[in-house]
Amino acid sequence: MTTPDPPDRQAYLEEQIERQKRGESIDVDWVRGELERIRLAQAATLAASQRNLRWLVIGATVLLLILWLKNGGVSRSGGLTTLGLILIGLLAAWVFRRKR
């Protein structure tokens, strides 16, 4: 009973779960394929989220650097601390990018 691609995947999956609960045989190949499709979709979503987060960190770091320079940079109190935080943000974005 191998179905290549049912029109309503969720309904077919629920049907397979109900069949398993009743002790009937299920379409194991389709379930394995569906599990693999779900894993691939999750991996793609995670990669996109990480990419968007990386750009967010880079953008926030650039904005912080611009605001830091506008407010006097090193000449103000706490300027070196702020510069250190900015560099840590850039370093973190760089390290996460290299991990891929």
N, C-alpha and C. Protein backbone atom coordinates (compact mmCIF):
# COMPACT_ATOMS: atom_id res chain seq x y z
N MET A 1 0.82 -1.19 0.00
CA MET A 1 0.00 0.00 0.00
C MET A 1 0.87 1.26 0.00
N THR A 2 1.88 1.30 -0.81
CA THR A 2 2.76 2.45 -0.85
C THR A 2 2.12 3.55 -1.69
N THR A 3 1.89 4.69 -1.08
CA THR A 3 1.32 5.84 -1.76
C THR A 3 2.44 6.83 -2.03
N PRO A 4 2.71 7.18 -3.29
CA PRO A 4 3.83 8.06 -3.60
C PRO A 4 3.74 9.42 -2.90
N ASP A 5 2.63 10.08 -3.02
CA ASP A 5 2.48 11.40 -2.38
C ASP A 5 1.00 11.71 -2.27
N PRO A 6 0.41 11.45 -1.12
CA PRO A 6 -1.03 11.71 -0.98
C PRO A 6 -1.31 13.20 -1.02
N PRO A 7 -2.51 13.57 -1.48
CA PRO A 7 -2.83 15.00 -1.59
C PRO A 7 -2.87 15.71 -0.23
N ASP A 8 -3.35 15.03 0.81
CA ASP A 8 -3.41 15.63 2.14
C ASP A 8 -2.48 14.83 3.04
N ARG A 9 -1.26 15.31 3.19
CA ARG A 9 -0.23 14.58 3.93
C ARG A 9 -0.60 14.43 5.40
N GLN A 10 -1.14 15.47 6.00
CA GLN A 10 -1.49 15.42 7.42
C GLN A 10 -2.56 14.36 7.67
N ALA A 11 -3.58 14.32 6.83
CA ALA A 11 -4.64 13.33 6.99
C ALA A 11 -4.09 11.91 6.80
N TYR A 12 -3.20 11.75 5.84
CA TYR A 12 -2.62 10.42 5.60
C TYR A 12 -1.76 9.99 6.79
N LEU A 13 -1.01 10.94 7.36
CA LEU A 13 -0.19 10.63 8.53
C LEU A 13 -1.07 10.23 9.71
N GLU A 14 -2.16 10.96 9.92
CA GLU A 14 -3.08 10.63 11.01
C GLU A 14 -3.71 9.26 10.79
N GLU A 15 -4.01 8.95 9.53
CA GLU A 15 -4.55 7.63 9.21
C GLU A 15 -3.54 6.54 9.56
N GLN A 16 -2.28 6.77 9.25
CA GLN A 16 -1.23 5.79 9.56
C GLN A 16 -1.09 5.61 11.07
N ILE A 17 -1.20 6.69 11.83
CA ILE A 17 -1.11 6.62 13.29
C ILE A 17 -2.28 5.81 13.84
N GLU A 18 -3.48 6.06 13.33
CA GLU A 18 -4.66 5.31 13.78
C GLU A 18 -4.52 3.82 13.44
N ARG A 19 -3.99 3.52 12.26
CA ARG A 19 -3.79 2.12 11.87
C ARG A 19 -2.79 1.46 12.81
N GLN A 20 -1.75 2.19 13.19
CA GLN A 20 -0.76 1.62 14.10
C GLN A 20 -1.38 1.35 15.47
N LYS A 21 -2.23 2.27 15.94
CA LYS A 21 -2.90 2.08 17.23
C LYS A 21 -3.80 0.84 17.21
N ARG A 22 -4.40 0.56 16.06
CA ARG A 22 -5.26 -0.62 15.95
C ARG A 22 -4.46 -1.89 15.73
N GLY A 23 -3.17 -1.78 15.52
CA GLY A 23 -2.33 -2.95 15.31
C GLY A 23 -2.23 -3.38 13.87
N GLU A 24 -2.72 -2.57 12.95
CA GLU A 24 -2.65 -2.89 11.53
C GLU A 24 -1.30 -2.45 10.97
N SER A 25 -0.99 -2.96 9.79
CA SER A 25 0.28 -2.58 9.17
C SER A 25 0.18 -1.15 8.62
N ILE A 26 1.32 -0.46 8.64
CA ILE A 26 1.36 0.93 8.16
C ILE A 26 2.33 1.04 6.99
N ASP A 27 2.27 2.14 6.31
CA ASP A 27 3.14 2.43 5.17
C ASP A 27 4.46 2.99 5.70
N VAL A 28 5.37 2.09 6.07
CA VAL A 28 6.61 2.47 6.73
C VAL A 28 7.48 3.34 5.82
N ASP A 29 7.56 3.01 4.55
CA ASP A 29 8.40 3.78 3.63
C ASP A 29 7.91 5.23 3.53
N TRP A 30 6.60 5.39 3.44
CA TRP A 30 6.07 6.76 3.35
C TRP A 30 6.35 7.53 4.64
N VAL A 31 6.18 6.88 5.78
CA VAL A 31 6.40 7.54 7.07
C VAL A 31 7.87 7.94 7.20
N ARG A 32 8.78 7.06 6.79
CA ARG A 32 10.21 7.41 6.82
C ARG A 32 10.50 8.59 5.90
N GLY A 33 9.92 8.57 4.73
CA GLY A 33 10.11 9.68 3.80
C GLY A 33 9.56 10.99 4.35
N GLU A 34 8.40 10.90 4.99
CA GLU A 34 7.78 12.09 5.58
C GLU A 34 8.66 12.63 6.71
N LEU A 35 9.19 11.74 7.52
CA LEU A 35 10.09 12.15 8.59
C LEU A 35 11.32 12.84 8.03
N GLU A 36 11.87 12.32 6.96
CA GLU A 36 13.03 12.95 6.33
C GLU A 36 12.67 14.32 5.76
N ARG A 37 11.50 14.45 5.14
CA ARG A 37 11.07 15.75 4.62
C ARG A 37 10.92 16.76 5.75
N ILE A 38 10.37 16.32 6.88
CA ILE A 38 10.20 17.22 8.03
C ILE A 38 11.56 17.65 8.57
N ARG A 39 12.49 16.71 8.68
CA ARG A 39 13.84 17.05 9.16
C ARG A 39 14.53 18.05 8.23
N LEU A 40 14.39 17.86 6.93
CA LEU A 40 15.00 18.80 5.98
C LEU A 40 14.37 20.18 6.09
N ALA A 41 13.05 20.22 6.26
CA ALA A 41 12.36 21.51 6.41
C ALA A 41 12.80 22.21 7.69
N GLN A 42 12.97 21.46 8.78
CA GLN A 42 13.42 22.04 10.03
C GLN A 42 14.85 22.57 9.90
N ALA A 43 15.71 21.83 9.22
CA ALA A 43 17.09 22.26 9.03
C ALA A 43 17.14 23.55 8.20
N ALA A 44 16.31 23.63 7.17
CA ALA A 44 16.27 24.84 6.35
C ALA A 44 15.77 26.03 7.15
N THR A 45 14.75 25.82 7.98
CA THR A 45 14.21 26.89 8.81
C THR A 45 15.24 27.36 9.82
N LEU A 46 15.95 26.43 10.43
CA LEU A 46 16.99 26.77 11.40
C LEU A 46 18.11 27.56 10.74
N ALA A 47 18.53 27.14 9.55
CA ALA A 47 19.59 27.85 8.84
C ALA A 47 19.16 29.27 8.50
N ALA A 48 17.92 29.44 8.06
CA ALA A 48 17.43 30.78 7.74
C ALA A 48 17.35 31.65 8.99
N SER A 49 16.93 31.07 10.10
CA SER A 49 16.86 31.83 11.35
C SER A 49 18.25 32.27 11.80
N GLN A 50 19.23 31.37 11.69
CA GLN A 50 20.59 31.72 12.07
C GLN A 50 21.14 32.81 11.16
N ARG A 51 20.85 32.73 9.88
CA ARG A 51 21.32 33.74 8.93
C ARG A 51 20.70 35.10 9.26
N ASN A 52 19.40 35.12 9.55
CA ASN A 52 18.74 36.37 9.89
C ASN A 52 19.26 36.93 11.21
N LEU A 53 19.51 36.07 12.18
CA LEU A 53 20.04 36.52 13.46
C LEU A 53 21.45 37.09 13.30
N ARG A 54 22.25 36.48 12.45
CA ARG A 54 23.60 36.98 12.20
C ARG A 54 23.54 38.39 11.62
N TRP A 55 22.65 38.60 10.65
CA TRP A 55 22.52 39.94 10.07
C TRP A 55 22.00 40.94 11.09
N LEU A 56 21.13 40.51 11.97
CA LEU A 56 20.63 41.37 13.02
C LEU A 56 21.76 41.80 13.97
N VAL A 57 22.63 40.86 14.33
CA VAL A 57 23.76 41.17 15.21
C VAL A 57 24.72 42.13 14.51
N ILE A 58 24.99 41.90 13.25
CA ILE A 58 25.90 42.78 12.51
C ILE A 58 25.30 44.18 12.41
N GLY A 59 24.01 44.27 12.10
CA GLY A 59 23.35 45.57 12.00
C GLY A 59 23.34 46.32 13.32
N ALA A 60 23.04 45.60 14.40
CA ALA A 60 23.03 46.24 15.72
C ALA A 60 24.42 46.71 16.11
N THR A 61 25.44 45.95 15.75
CA THR A 61 26.82 46.33 16.05
C THR A 61 27.22 47.58 15.28
N VAL A 62 26.87 47.64 14.02
CA VAL A 62 27.17 48.82 13.21
C VAL A 62 26.44 50.04 13.76
N LEU A 63 25.17 49.87 14.10
CA LEU A 63 24.41 50.98 14.68
C LEU A 63 25.02 51.45 16.00
N LEU A 64 25.41 50.52 16.83
CA LEU A 64 26.06 50.87 18.09
C LEU A 64 27.37 51.60 17.86
N LEU A 65 28.14 51.18 16.88
CA LEU A 65 29.39 51.86 16.55
C LEU A 65 29.14 53.29 16.07
N ILE A 66 28.13 53.47 15.24
CA ILE A 66 27.79 54.81 14.75
C ILE A 66 27.36 55.71 15.90
N LEU A 67 26.49 55.19 16.76
CA LEU A 67 26.05 55.99 17.91
C LEU A 67 27.21 56.29 18.86
N TRP A 68 28.10 55.35 19.02
CA TRP A 68 29.27 55.54 19.88
C TRP A 68 30.15 56.65 19.33
N LEU A 69 30.38 56.62 18.03
CA LEU A 69 31.21 57.67 17.40
C LEU A 69 30.52 59.03 17.49
N LYS A 70 29.21 59.06 17.31
CA LYS A 70 28.46 60.31 17.36
C LYS A 70 28.52 60.94 18.76
N ASN A 71 28.55 60.11 19.79
CA ASN A 71 28.56 60.61 21.16
C ASN A 71 29.96 60.84 21.71
N GLY A 72 30.96 60.84 20.90
CA GLY A 72 32.30 61.20 21.36
C GLY A 72 33.28 60.07 21.37
N GLY A 73 32.89 58.87 21.18
CA GLY A 73 33.82 57.74 21.08
C GLY A 73 34.63 57.53 22.33
N VAL A 74 35.96 57.48 22.18
CA VAL A 74 36.86 57.18 23.28
C VAL A 74 36.97 58.35 24.25
N SER A 75 36.72 59.56 23.78
CA SER A 75 36.93 60.75 24.63
C SER A 75 35.95 60.82 25.80
N ARG A 76 34.83 60.13 25.75
CA ARG A 76 33.85 60.15 26.86
C ARG A 76 34.14 59.03 27.85
N SER A 77 33.59 59.16 29.06
CA SER A 77 33.79 58.10 30.05
C SER A 77 33.04 56.85 29.61
N GLY A 78 33.66 55.72 29.79
CA GLY A 78 33.08 54.45 29.37
C GLY A 78 33.24 54.19 27.88
N GLY A 79 33.97 55.01 27.20
CA GLY A 79 34.15 54.86 25.76
C GLY A 79 34.87 53.59 25.38
N LEU A 80 35.92 53.25 26.14
CA LEU A 80 36.67 52.03 25.83
C LEU A 80 35.84 50.78 26.13
N THR A 81 35.03 50.84 27.17
CA THR A 81 34.15 49.71 27.49
C THR A 81 33.15 49.49 26.37
N THR A 82 32.57 50.57 25.87
CA THR A 82 31.62 50.46 24.77
C THR A 82 32.29 49.93 23.52
N LEU A 83 33.51 50.40 23.26
CA LEU A 83 34.25 49.90 22.10
C LEU A 83 34.50 48.40 22.25
N GLY A 84 34.83 47.95 23.46
CA GLY A 84 35.03 46.53 23.70
C GLY A 84 33.77 45.72 23.42
N LEU A 85 32.61 46.23 23.84
CA LEU A 85 31.35 45.54 23.58
C LEU A 85 31.06 45.47 22.08
N ILE A 86 31.37 46.55 21.38
CA ILE A 86 31.16 46.56 19.93
C ILE A 86 32.05 45.51 19.27
N LEU A 87 33.30 45.45 19.69
CA LEU A 87 34.22 44.47 19.10
C LEU A 87 33.80 43.04 19.44
N ILE A 88 33.30 42.82 20.63
CA ILE A 88 32.80 41.49 21.01
C ILE A 88 31.63 41.09 20.10
N GLY A 89 30.73 42.03 19.82
CA GLY A 89 29.61 41.75 18.92
C GLY A 89 30.08 41.38 17.52
N LEU A 90 31.05 42.14 17.00
CA LEU A 90 31.60 41.82 15.67
C LEU A 90 32.30 40.46 15.68
N LEU A 91 33.07 40.20 16.73
CA LEU A 91 33.77 38.92 16.83
C LEU A 91 32.78 37.77 16.90
N ALA A 92 31.71 37.93 17.66
CA ALA A 92 30.69 36.87 17.77
C ALA A 92 30.05 36.60 16.41
N ALA A 93 29.72 37.65 15.69
CA ALA A 93 29.12 37.47 14.36
C ALA A 93 30.09 36.77 13.42
N TRP A 94 31.36 37.12 13.52
CA TRP A 94 32.38 36.52 12.66
C TRP A 94 32.57 35.04 12.99
N VAL A 95 32.61 34.71 14.29
CA VAL A 95 32.81 33.32 14.71
C VAL A 95 31.62 32.47 14.28
N PHE A 96 30.39 32.96 14.48
CA PHE A 96 29.22 32.18 14.08
C PHE A 96 29.18 31.98 12.58
N ARG A 97 29.66 32.94 11.84
CA ARG A 97 29.68 32.81 10.38
C ARG A 97 30.67 31.74 9.96
N ARG A 98 31.81 31.66 10.63
CA ARG A 98 32.84 30.69 10.27
C ARG A 98 32.46 29.27 10.68
N LYS A 99 31.56 29.10 11.67
CA LYS A 99 31.16 27.77 12.10
C LYS A 99 30.42 27.02 11.02
N ARG A 100 29.71 27.73 10.15
CA ARG A 100 28.97 27.07 9.07
C ARG A 100 29.97 26.43 8.19
